[in-house]
Amino acid sequence: MNRRDALKASSGTVVMALAASAGLLRPEFAVAQEWNKTAFDSKSLNEVVKALGGTAAVESKDVFFVNAPDIAENGAVVPIGATSKIPNTESISILVEKNPNALSATFTIPDGTEPTISTRVKMGQTSNIYALVKADGKYFYAVKEVKVTLGGCGG
């Protein structure tokens, strides 16, 4: 390790220590949510909703895709963005219907935060994608078909 690398490494540690001592960085903020294995092992929208604690999801025009291509040239990296206009949005999840595991990602939306997410997912083949929103304990979704020309999940 040369001097420049040592200075870079130590400066990051010093900044984190100062933030922790000032009360800006607290351990409870760094704790991840508990892993919901059942939800991520589910194969369909209804199974995911049940695994997340709901009964059924209703299609809504207040949930929509901000960024999702009609055709993805490479299924290994498909950009997806979704937003919700439903008040009290608690979470937004992305599901890919024909993937081995339908649930790709779940984002918790804190109070006072704009309910918009953006991520990239893998898609093995042409499939419907769902933006699943939880608001006030109820589930809503939007659906869009994305055509994949080159598979990303082993194809």
N, C-alpha and C. Protein backbone atom coordinates (compact mmCIF):
# COMPACT_ATOMS: atom_id res chain seq x y z
N MET A 1 0.86 -1.17 0.00
CA MET A 1 0.00 0.00 0.00
C MET A 1 0.91 1.24 0.00
N ASN A 2 0.64 2.15 -0.92
CA ASN A 2 1.45 3.36 -0.93
C ASN A 2 0.82 4.43 -0.04
N ARG A 3 1.51 5.53 0.11
CA ARG A 3 1.09 6.58 1.04
C ARG A 3 -0.28 7.15 0.68
N ARG A 4 -0.52 7.38 -0.60
CA ARG A 4 -1.80 7.96 -1.03
C ARG A 4 -2.97 7.04 -0.68
N ASP A 5 -2.83 5.75 -0.92
CA ASP A 5 -3.89 4.79 -0.58
C ASP A 5 -4.12 4.74 0.93
N ALA A 6 -3.05 4.82 1.71
CA ALA A 6 -3.18 4.81 3.16
C ALA A 6 -3.95 6.03 3.65
N LEU A 7 -3.66 7.20 3.07
CA LEU A 7 -4.36 8.42 3.46
C LEU A 7 -5.85 8.35 3.09
N LYS A 8 -6.14 7.81 1.92
CA LYS A 8 -7.54 7.66 1.50
C LYS A 8 -8.30 6.76 2.46
N ALA A 9 -7.71 5.63 2.79
CA ALA A 9 -8.37 4.66 3.67
C ALA A 9 -8.58 5.24 5.06
N SER A 10 -7.59 5.89 5.59
CA SER A 10 -7.71 6.42 6.95
C SER A 10 -8.66 7.62 7.01
N SER A 11 -8.73 8.43 5.96
CA SER A 11 -9.64 9.59 5.99
C SER A 11 -11.10 9.14 6.02
N GLY A 12 -11.45 8.07 5.35
CA GLY A 12 -12.81 7.54 5.39
C GLY A 12 -13.17 7.05 6.78
N THR A 13 -12.24 6.40 7.44
CA THR A 13 -12.47 5.91 8.79
C THR A 13 -12.65 7.07 9.76
N VAL A 14 -11.84 8.11 9.60
CA VAL A 14 -11.94 9.28 10.47
C VAL A 14 -13.30 9.97 10.29
N VAL A 15 -13.75 10.12 9.05
CA VAL A 15 -15.05 10.75 8.79
C VAL A 15 -16.18 9.95 9.42
N MET A 16 -16.15 8.63 9.31
CA MET A 16 -17.19 7.79 9.90
C MET A 16 -17.15 7.90 11.43
N ALA A 17 -15.97 7.93 12.03
CA ALA A 17 -15.85 8.05 13.48
C ALA A 17 -16.39 9.40 13.95
N LEU A 18 -16.08 10.46 13.22
CA LEU A 18 -16.59 11.78 13.60
C LEU A 18 -18.12 11.84 13.47
N ALA A 19 -18.66 11.26 12.42
CA ALA A 19 -20.12 11.25 12.22
C ALA A 19 -20.80 10.46 13.34
N ALA A 20 -20.22 9.34 13.73
CA ALA A 20 -20.80 8.53 14.80
C ALA A 20 -20.73 9.26 16.14
N SER A 21 -19.61 9.91 16.41
CA SER A 21 -19.48 10.61 17.69
C SER A 21 -20.38 11.84 17.76
N ALA A 22 -20.70 12.44 16.62
CA ALA A 22 -21.59 13.61 16.59
C ALA A 22 -23.06 13.20 16.62
N GLY A 23 -23.33 11.89 16.56
CA GLY A 23 -24.72 11.41 16.60
C GLY A 23 -25.38 11.41 15.24
N LEU A 24 -24.62 11.66 14.18
CA LEU A 24 -25.18 11.67 12.83
C LEU A 24 -25.33 10.26 12.27
N LEU A 25 -24.57 9.35 12.77
CA LEU A 25 -24.60 7.97 12.30
C LEU A 25 -24.91 7.09 13.49
N ARG A 26 -26.11 6.53 13.51
CA ARG A 26 -26.52 5.68 14.62
C ARG A 26 -26.74 4.26 14.12
N PRO A 27 -26.41 3.25 14.92
CA PRO A 27 -26.51 1.85 14.49
C PRO A 27 -27.90 1.44 14.03
N GLU A 28 -28.97 1.99 14.62
CA GLU A 28 -30.31 1.55 14.23
C GLU A 28 -30.65 1.93 12.78
N PHE A 29 -29.95 2.94 12.21
CA PHE A 29 -30.21 3.31 10.83
C PHE A 29 -29.56 2.33 9.85
N ALA A 30 -28.54 1.62 10.31
CA ALA A 30 -27.79 0.74 9.44
C ALA A 30 -28.35 -0.68 9.40
N VAL A 31 -29.37 -0.98 10.18
CA VAL A 31 -29.93 -2.32 10.23
C VAL A 31 -30.85 -2.55 9.03
N ALA A 32 -30.59 -3.59 8.30
CA ALA A 32 -31.42 -3.93 7.15
C ALA A 32 -32.71 -4.60 7.61
N GLN A 33 -33.72 -4.51 6.75
CA GLN A 33 -34.98 -5.15 7.06
C GLN A 33 -34.80 -6.68 7.02
N GLU A 34 -35.59 -7.39 7.80
CA GLU A 34 -35.48 -8.84 7.85
C GLU A 34 -35.80 -9.44 6.47
N TRP A 35 -35.04 -10.43 6.07
CA TRP A 35 -35.19 -11.10 4.78
C TRP A 35 -36.50 -11.88 4.74
N ASN A 36 -37.33 -11.63 3.72
CA ASN A 36 -38.59 -12.34 3.57
C ASN A 36 -38.39 -13.40 2.48
N LYS A 37 -37.85 -14.53 2.87
CA LYS A 37 -37.52 -15.60 1.93
C LYS A 37 -38.75 -16.09 1.17
N THR A 38 -39.89 -16.18 1.84
CA THR A 38 -41.11 -16.65 1.18
C THR A 38 -41.51 -15.74 0.03
N ALA A 39 -41.43 -14.44 0.24
CA ALA A 39 -41.79 -13.49 -0.82
C ALA A 39 -40.85 -13.61 -2.01
N PHE A 40 -39.55 -13.73 -1.75
CA PHE A 40 -38.60 -13.81 -2.85
C PHE A 40 -38.61 -15.17 -3.54
N ASP A 41 -39.14 -16.20 -2.89
CA ASP A 41 -39.26 -17.52 -3.53
C ASP A 41 -40.59 -17.68 -4.29
N SER A 42 -41.48 -16.72 -4.16
CA SER A 42 -42.80 -16.81 -4.81
C SER A 42 -42.69 -16.69 -6.32
N LYS A 43 -43.66 -17.28 -7.02
CA LYS A 43 -43.61 -17.36 -8.47
C LYS A 43 -44.61 -16.46 -9.19
N SER A 44 -45.58 -15.86 -8.46
CA SER A 44 -46.60 -15.04 -9.11
C SER A 44 -46.92 -13.81 -8.26
N LEU A 45 -47.63 -12.88 -8.86
CA LEU A 45 -48.03 -11.66 -8.17
C LEU A 45 -48.85 -11.98 -6.93
N ASN A 46 -49.84 -12.85 -7.06
CA ASN A 46 -50.70 -13.18 -5.92
C ASN A 46 -49.92 -13.85 -4.78
N GLU A 47 -48.98 -14.73 -5.12
CA GLU A 47 -48.16 -15.38 -4.10
C GLU A 47 -47.29 -14.36 -3.36
N VAL A 48 -46.74 -13.39 -4.10
CA VAL A 48 -45.90 -12.36 -3.48
C VAL A 48 -46.73 -11.51 -2.53
N VAL A 49 -47.93 -11.10 -2.98
CA VAL A 49 -48.80 -10.27 -2.13
C VAL A 49 -49.12 -11.01 -0.83
N LYS A 50 -49.46 -12.29 -0.93
CA LYS A 50 -49.76 -13.08 0.27
C LYS A 50 -48.54 -13.20 1.18
N ALA A 51 -47.36 -13.40 0.59
CA ALA A 51 -46.14 -13.53 1.39
C ALA A 51 -45.78 -12.21 2.08
N LEU A 52 -46.19 -11.10 1.49
CA LEU A 52 -45.93 -9.79 2.09
C LEU A 52 -46.99 -9.39 3.11
N GLY A 53 -48.02 -10.23 3.27
CA GLY A 53 -49.03 -9.99 4.29
C GLY A 53 -50.34 -9.44 3.78
N GLY A 54 -50.51 -9.35 2.46
CA GLY A 54 -51.76 -8.85 1.89
C GLY A 54 -52.68 -9.97 1.47
N THR A 55 -53.84 -9.61 0.95
CA THR A 55 -54.78 -10.62 0.48
C THR A 55 -54.88 -10.62 -1.05
N ALA A 56 -54.93 -9.44 -1.65
CA ALA A 56 -55.02 -9.32 -3.10
C ALA A 56 -54.52 -7.95 -3.51
N ALA A 57 -54.11 -7.83 -4.76
CA ALA A 57 -53.67 -6.54 -5.31
C ALA A 57 -54.67 -6.09 -6.37
N VAL A 58 -54.87 -4.78 -6.45
CA VAL A 58 -55.81 -4.19 -7.39
C VAL A 58 -55.02 -3.32 -8.37
N GLU A 59 -55.32 -3.44 -9.67
CA GLU A 59 -54.65 -2.60 -10.66
C GLU A 59 -55.08 -1.16 -10.45
N SER A 60 -54.13 -0.23 -10.55
CA SER A 60 -54.41 1.17 -10.30
C SER A 60 -53.71 2.06 -11.31
N LYS A 61 -54.40 3.11 -11.74
CA LYS A 61 -53.80 4.10 -12.65
C LYS A 61 -52.89 5.06 -11.90
N ASP A 62 -52.92 5.02 -10.57
CA ASP A 62 -52.06 5.88 -9.76
C ASP A 62 -50.69 5.27 -9.53
N VAL A 63 -50.46 4.07 -10.06
CA VAL A 63 -49.16 3.42 -10.04
C VAL A 63 -48.75 3.30 -11.49
N PHE A 64 -47.54 3.80 -11.83
CA PHE A 64 -47.13 3.71 -13.23
C PHE A 64 -45.62 3.65 -13.35
N PHE A 65 -45.20 3.20 -14.52
CA PHE A 65 -43.78 3.08 -14.81
C PHE A 65 -43.26 4.39 -15.37
N VAL A 66 -42.22 4.92 -14.75
CA VAL A 66 -41.58 6.14 -15.21
C VAL A 66 -40.55 5.76 -16.27
N ASN A 67 -39.92 4.62 -16.06
CA ASN A 67 -38.84 4.19 -16.93
C ASN A 67 -38.91 2.67 -17.05
N ALA A 68 -39.32 2.20 -18.21
CA ALA A 68 -39.31 0.77 -18.51
C ALA A 68 -39.38 0.67 -20.03
N PRO A 69 -38.41 0.04 -20.64
CA PRO A 69 -38.39 0.00 -22.10
C PRO A 69 -39.46 -0.94 -22.66
N ASP A 70 -39.91 -0.66 -23.87
CA ASP A 70 -40.81 -1.58 -24.56
C ASP A 70 -40.02 -2.81 -25.01
N ILE A 71 -38.78 -2.55 -25.48
CA ILE A 71 -37.89 -3.62 -25.92
C ILE A 71 -36.55 -3.46 -25.22
N ALA A 72 -36.10 -4.50 -24.55
CA ALA A 72 -34.79 -4.51 -23.90
C ALA A 72 -33.85 -5.32 -24.78
N GLU A 73 -32.79 -4.68 -25.26
CA GLU A 73 -31.85 -5.39 -26.13
C GLU A 73 -31.06 -6.45 -25.38
N ASN A 74 -30.86 -6.24 -24.09
CA ASN A 74 -30.11 -7.20 -23.30
C ASN A 74 -30.84 -7.40 -21.98
N GLY A 75 -31.33 -8.59 -21.74
CA GLY A 75 -32.08 -8.88 -20.53
C GLY A 75 -31.24 -8.88 -19.27
N ALA A 76 -29.91 -8.81 -19.39
CA ALA A 76 -29.05 -8.81 -18.21
C ALA A 76 -29.16 -7.50 -17.44
N VAL A 77 -29.50 -6.41 -18.12
CA VAL A 77 -29.56 -5.10 -17.48
C VAL A 77 -30.75 -4.33 -18.05
N VAL A 78 -31.89 -4.43 -17.39
CA VAL A 78 -33.10 -3.75 -17.84
C VAL A 78 -33.45 -2.66 -16.83
N PRO A 79 -33.39 -1.38 -17.24
CA PRO A 79 -33.72 -0.30 -16.30
C PRO A 79 -35.22 -0.22 -16.07
N ILE A 80 -35.60 -0.13 -14.80
CA ILE A 80 -37.01 -0.05 -14.41
C ILE A 80 -37.16 1.11 -13.42
N GLY A 81 -38.14 1.93 -13.65
CA GLY A 81 -38.45 3.01 -12.71
C GLY A 81 -39.95 3.06 -12.52
N ALA A 82 -40.41 3.24 -11.30
CA ALA A 82 -41.85 3.27 -11.02
C ALA A 82 -42.13 4.35 -9.99
N THR A 83 -43.36 4.85 -10.02
CA THR A 83 -43.79 5.85 -9.06
C THR A 83 -45.22 5.59 -8.65
N SER A 84 -45.59 6.14 -7.52
CA SER A 84 -46.94 5.97 -7.00
C SER A 84 -47.51 7.33 -6.65
N LYS A 85 -48.72 7.57 -7.04
CA LYS A 85 -49.44 8.78 -6.66
C LYS A 85 -50.45 8.48 -5.55
N ILE A 86 -50.40 7.29 -5.01
CA ILE A 86 -51.31 6.87 -3.95
C ILE A 86 -50.79 7.44 -2.62
N PRO A 87 -51.64 8.15 -1.87
CA PRO A 87 -51.20 8.69 -0.58
C PRO A 87 -50.78 7.58 0.39
N ASN A 88 -49.83 7.90 1.25
CA ASN A 88 -49.33 6.99 2.28
C ASN A 88 -48.69 5.73 1.71
N THR A 89 -47.98 5.88 0.60
CA THR A 89 -47.27 4.74 0.02
C THR A 89 -46.19 4.28 0.99
N GLU A 90 -46.20 2.99 1.31
CA GLU A 90 -45.27 2.42 2.27
C GLU A 90 -44.10 1.70 1.59
N SER A 91 -44.37 1.05 0.45
CA SER A 91 -43.31 0.34 -0.26
C SER A 91 -43.67 0.18 -1.73
N ILE A 92 -42.62 -0.02 -2.53
CA ILE A 92 -42.78 -0.31 -3.96
C ILE A 92 -41.91 -1.52 -4.25
N SER A 93 -42.50 -2.53 -4.90
CA SER A 93 -41.77 -3.74 -5.26
C SER A 93 -41.81 -3.92 -6.77
N ILE A 94 -40.78 -4.54 -7.32
CA ILE A 94 -40.72 -4.84 -8.75
C ILE A 94 -40.74 -6.35 -8.90
N LEU A 95 -41.66 -6.84 -9.75
CA LEU A 95 -41.78 -8.26 -10.03
C LEU A 95 -41.61 -8.50 -11.52
N VAL A 96 -40.93 -9.59 -11.87
CA VAL A 96 -40.78 -10.01 -13.26
C VAL A 96 -41.44 -11.38 -13.36
N GLU A 97 -42.55 -11.42 -14.08
CA GLU A 97 -43.44 -12.59 -14.10
C GLU A 97 -42.75 -13.90 -14.48
N LYS A 98 -41.92 -13.91 -15.52
CA LYS A 98 -41.36 -15.17 -16.01
C LYS A 98 -39.96 -15.47 -15.50
N ASN A 99 -39.48 -14.70 -14.55
CA ASN A 99 -38.19 -15.02 -13.95
C ASN A 99 -38.37 -16.20 -12.99
N PRO A 100 -37.30 -16.93 -12.68
CA PRO A 100 -37.42 -18.05 -11.74
C PRO A 100 -38.02 -17.63 -10.40
N ASN A 101 -37.69 -16.43 -9.94
CA ASN A 101 -38.30 -15.85 -8.75
C ASN A 101 -38.91 -14.53 -9.19
N ALA A 102 -40.21 -14.39 -9.01
CA ALA A 102 -40.91 -13.21 -9.53
C ALA A 102 -40.46 -11.91 -8.88
N LEU A 103 -40.30 -11.90 -7.56
CA LEU A 103 -39.94 -10.67 -6.86
C LEU A 103 -38.47 -10.35 -7.08
N SER A 104 -38.21 -9.17 -7.67
CA SER A 104 -36.83 -8.76 -7.94
C SER A 104 -36.29 -7.80 -6.89
N ALA A 105 -37.15 -6.89 -6.41
CA ALA A 105 -36.69 -5.89 -5.44
C ALA A 105 -37.87 -5.31 -4.69
N THR A 106 -37.63 -4.90 -3.45
CA THR A 106 -38.63 -4.21 -2.63
C THR A 106 -37.96 -3.00 -2.00
N PHE A 107 -38.61 -1.86 -2.11
CA PHE A 107 -38.10 -0.61 -1.56
C PHE A 107 -39.08 -0.08 -0.53
N THR A 108 -38.60 0.19 0.68
CA THR A 108 -39.42 0.80 1.72
C THR A 108 -39.38 2.31 1.51
N ILE A 109 -40.55 2.94 1.52
CA ILE A 109 -40.65 4.38 1.29
C ILE A 109 -40.93 5.06 2.64
N PRO A 110 -39.97 5.79 3.18
CA PRO A 110 -40.20 6.47 4.47
C PRO A 110 -41.23 7.60 4.33
N ASP A 111 -41.89 7.95 5.42
CA ASP A 111 -42.84 9.07 5.42
C ASP A 111 -42.16 10.33 4.92
N GLY A 112 -42.87 11.10 4.11
CA GLY A 112 -42.34 12.37 3.61
C GLY A 112 -41.43 12.23 2.42
N THR A 113 -41.27 11.01 1.90
CA THR A 113 -40.41 10.76 0.76
C THR A 113 -41.24 10.61 -0.50
N GLU A 114 -40.74 11.12 -1.62
CA GLU A 114 -41.45 10.95 -2.89
C GLU A 114 -41.40 9.47 -3.26
N PRO A 115 -42.57 8.85 -3.48
CA PRO A 115 -42.60 7.41 -3.77
C PRO A 115 -42.22 7.08 -5.22
N THR A 116 -40.95 7.24 -5.53
CA THR A 116 -40.41 6.93 -6.85
C THR A 116 -39.15 6.10 -6.66
N ILE A 117 -39.04 5.02 -7.42
CA ILE A 117 -37.86 4.16 -7.33
C ILE A 117 -37.28 3.93 -8.72
N SER A 118 -36.03 3.55 -8.75
CA SER A 118 -35.37 3.22 -10.01
C SER A 118 -34.33 2.14 -9.72
N THR A 119 -34.30 1.13 -10.57
CA THR A 119 -33.35 0.04 -10.39
C THR A 119 -33.09 -0.62 -11.74
N ARG A 120 -32.31 -1.65 -11.73
CA ARG A 120 -32.06 -2.48 -12.92
C ARG A 120 -32.32 -3.92 -12.53
N VAL A 121 -32.97 -4.66 -13.41
CA VAL A 121 -33.27 -6.06 -13.14
C VAL A 121 -32.79 -6.93 -14.27
N LYS A 122 -32.66 -8.22 -13.98
CA LYS A 122 -32.37 -9.22 -15.01
C LYS A 122 -33.68 -9.82 -15.47
N MET A 123 -33.78 -10.05 -16.76
CA MET A 123 -34.96 -10.71 -17.33
C MET A 123 -34.48 -11.82 -18.26
N GLY A 124 -34.97 -13.02 -18.04
CA GLY A 124 -34.56 -14.16 -18.85
C GLY A 124 -35.24 -14.21 -20.20
N GLN A 125 -36.43 -13.60 -20.28
CA GLN A 125 -37.21 -13.64 -21.52
C GLN A 125 -38.28 -12.55 -21.49
N THR A 126 -38.95 -12.37 -22.60
CA THR A 126 -40.04 -11.42 -22.68
C THR A 126 -41.06 -11.75 -21.59
N SER A 127 -41.48 -10.71 -20.85
CA SER A 127 -42.32 -10.95 -19.69
C SER A 127 -43.06 -9.69 -19.28
N ASN A 128 -44.12 -9.89 -18.51
CA ASN A 128 -44.78 -8.76 -17.86
C ASN A 128 -43.96 -8.40 -16.63
N ILE A 129 -43.83 -7.10 -16.39
CA ILE A 129 -43.24 -6.64 -15.14
C ILE A 129 -44.33 -5.91 -14.36
N TYR A 130 -44.26 -6.00 -13.05
CA TYR A 130 -45.26 -5.39 -12.18
C TYR A 130 -44.57 -4.43 -11.23
N ALA A 131 -45.20 -3.28 -11.02
CA ALA A 131 -44.82 -2.38 -9.94
C ALA A 131 -45.90 -2.57 -8.88
N LEU A 132 -45.55 -3.14 -7.76
CA LEU A 132 -46.49 -3.44 -6.69
C LEU A 132 -46.30 -2.43 -5.56
N VAL A 133 -47.37 -1.71 -5.24
CA VAL A 133 -47.31 -0.65 -4.23
C VAL A 133 -48.15 -1.04 -3.03
N LYS A 134 -47.57 -0.86 -1.84
CA LYS A 134 -48.32 -1.04 -0.60
C LYS A 134 -48.60 0.34 -0.04
N ALA A 135 -49.88 0.65 0.16
CA ALA A 135 -50.29 1.94 0.72
C ALA A 135 -51.45 1.71 1.67
N ASP A 136 -51.31 2.19 2.89
CA ASP A 136 -52.34 2.01 3.93
C ASP A 136 -52.72 0.54 4.12
N GLY A 137 -51.74 -0.35 3.97
CA GLY A 137 -51.98 -1.78 4.18
C GLY A 137 -52.62 -2.50 3.01
N LYS A 138 -52.91 -1.78 1.92
CA LYS A 138 -53.52 -2.39 0.72
C LYS A 138 -52.49 -2.41 -0.40
N TYR A 139 -52.70 -3.33 -1.36
CA TYR A 139 -51.76 -3.49 -2.46
C TYR A 139 -52.38 -3.08 -3.78
N PHE A 140 -51.58 -2.35 -4.58
CA PHE A 140 -51.99 -1.88 -5.90
C PHE A 140 -50.85 -2.18 -6.86
N TYR A 141 -51.18 -2.32 -8.15
CA TYR A 141 -50.11 -2.62 -9.09
C TYR A 141 -50.37 -2.00 -10.46
N ALA A 142 -49.28 -1.91 -11.21
CA ALA A 142 -49.31 -1.56 -12.63
C ALA A 142 -48.53 -2.64 -13.34
N VAL A 143 -48.88 -2.90 -14.58
CA VAL A 143 -48.22 -3.96 -15.33
C VAL A 143 -47.80 -3.44 -16.70
N LYS A 144 -46.65 -3.91 -17.18
CA LYS A 144 -46.17 -3.56 -18.51
C LYS A 144 -45.37 -4.72 -19.08
N GLU A 145 -45.56 -4.99 -20.36
CA GLU A 145 -44.79 -6.04 -21.01
C GLU A 145 -43.49 -5.45 -21.54
N VAL A 146 -42.39 -6.15 -21.26
CA VAL A 146 -41.08 -5.77 -21.79
C VAL A 146 -40.58 -6.93 -22.63
N LYS A 147 -40.29 -6.64 -23.89
CA LYS A 147 -39.78 -7.67 -24.79
C LYS A 147 -38.26 -7.71 -24.69
N VAL A 148 -37.72 -8.90 -24.51
CA VAL A 148 -36.29 -9.10 -24.36
C VAL A 148 -35.76 -9.79 -25.60
N THR A 149 -34.72 -9.20 -26.22
CA THR A 149 -34.15 -9.81 -27.43
C THR A 149 -32.99 -10.73 -27.12
N LEU A 150 -32.27 -10.48 -25.99
CA LEU A 150 -31.17 -11.34 -25.57
C LEU A 150 -31.33 -11.60 -24.09
N GLY A 151 -31.57 -12.85 -23.71
CA GLY A 151 -31.87 -13.18 -22.32
C GLY A 151 -30.72 -12.91 -21.38
N GLY A 152 -31.05 -12.52 -20.14
CA GLY A 152 -30.03 -12.20 -19.15
C GLY A 152 -29.95 -13.22 -18.03
N CYS A 153 -30.92 -14.08 -17.89
CA CYS A 153 -30.92 -15.08 -16.81
C CYS A 153 -30.50 -16.43 -17.36
N GLY A 154 -29.26 -16.52 -17.79
CA GLY A 154 -28.74 -17.78 -18.29
C GLY A 154 -29.08 -18.05 -19.73
N GLY A 155 -29.59 -17.07 -20.47
CA GLY A 155 -29.96 -17.32 -21.86
C GLY A 155 -29.31 -16.36 -22.73
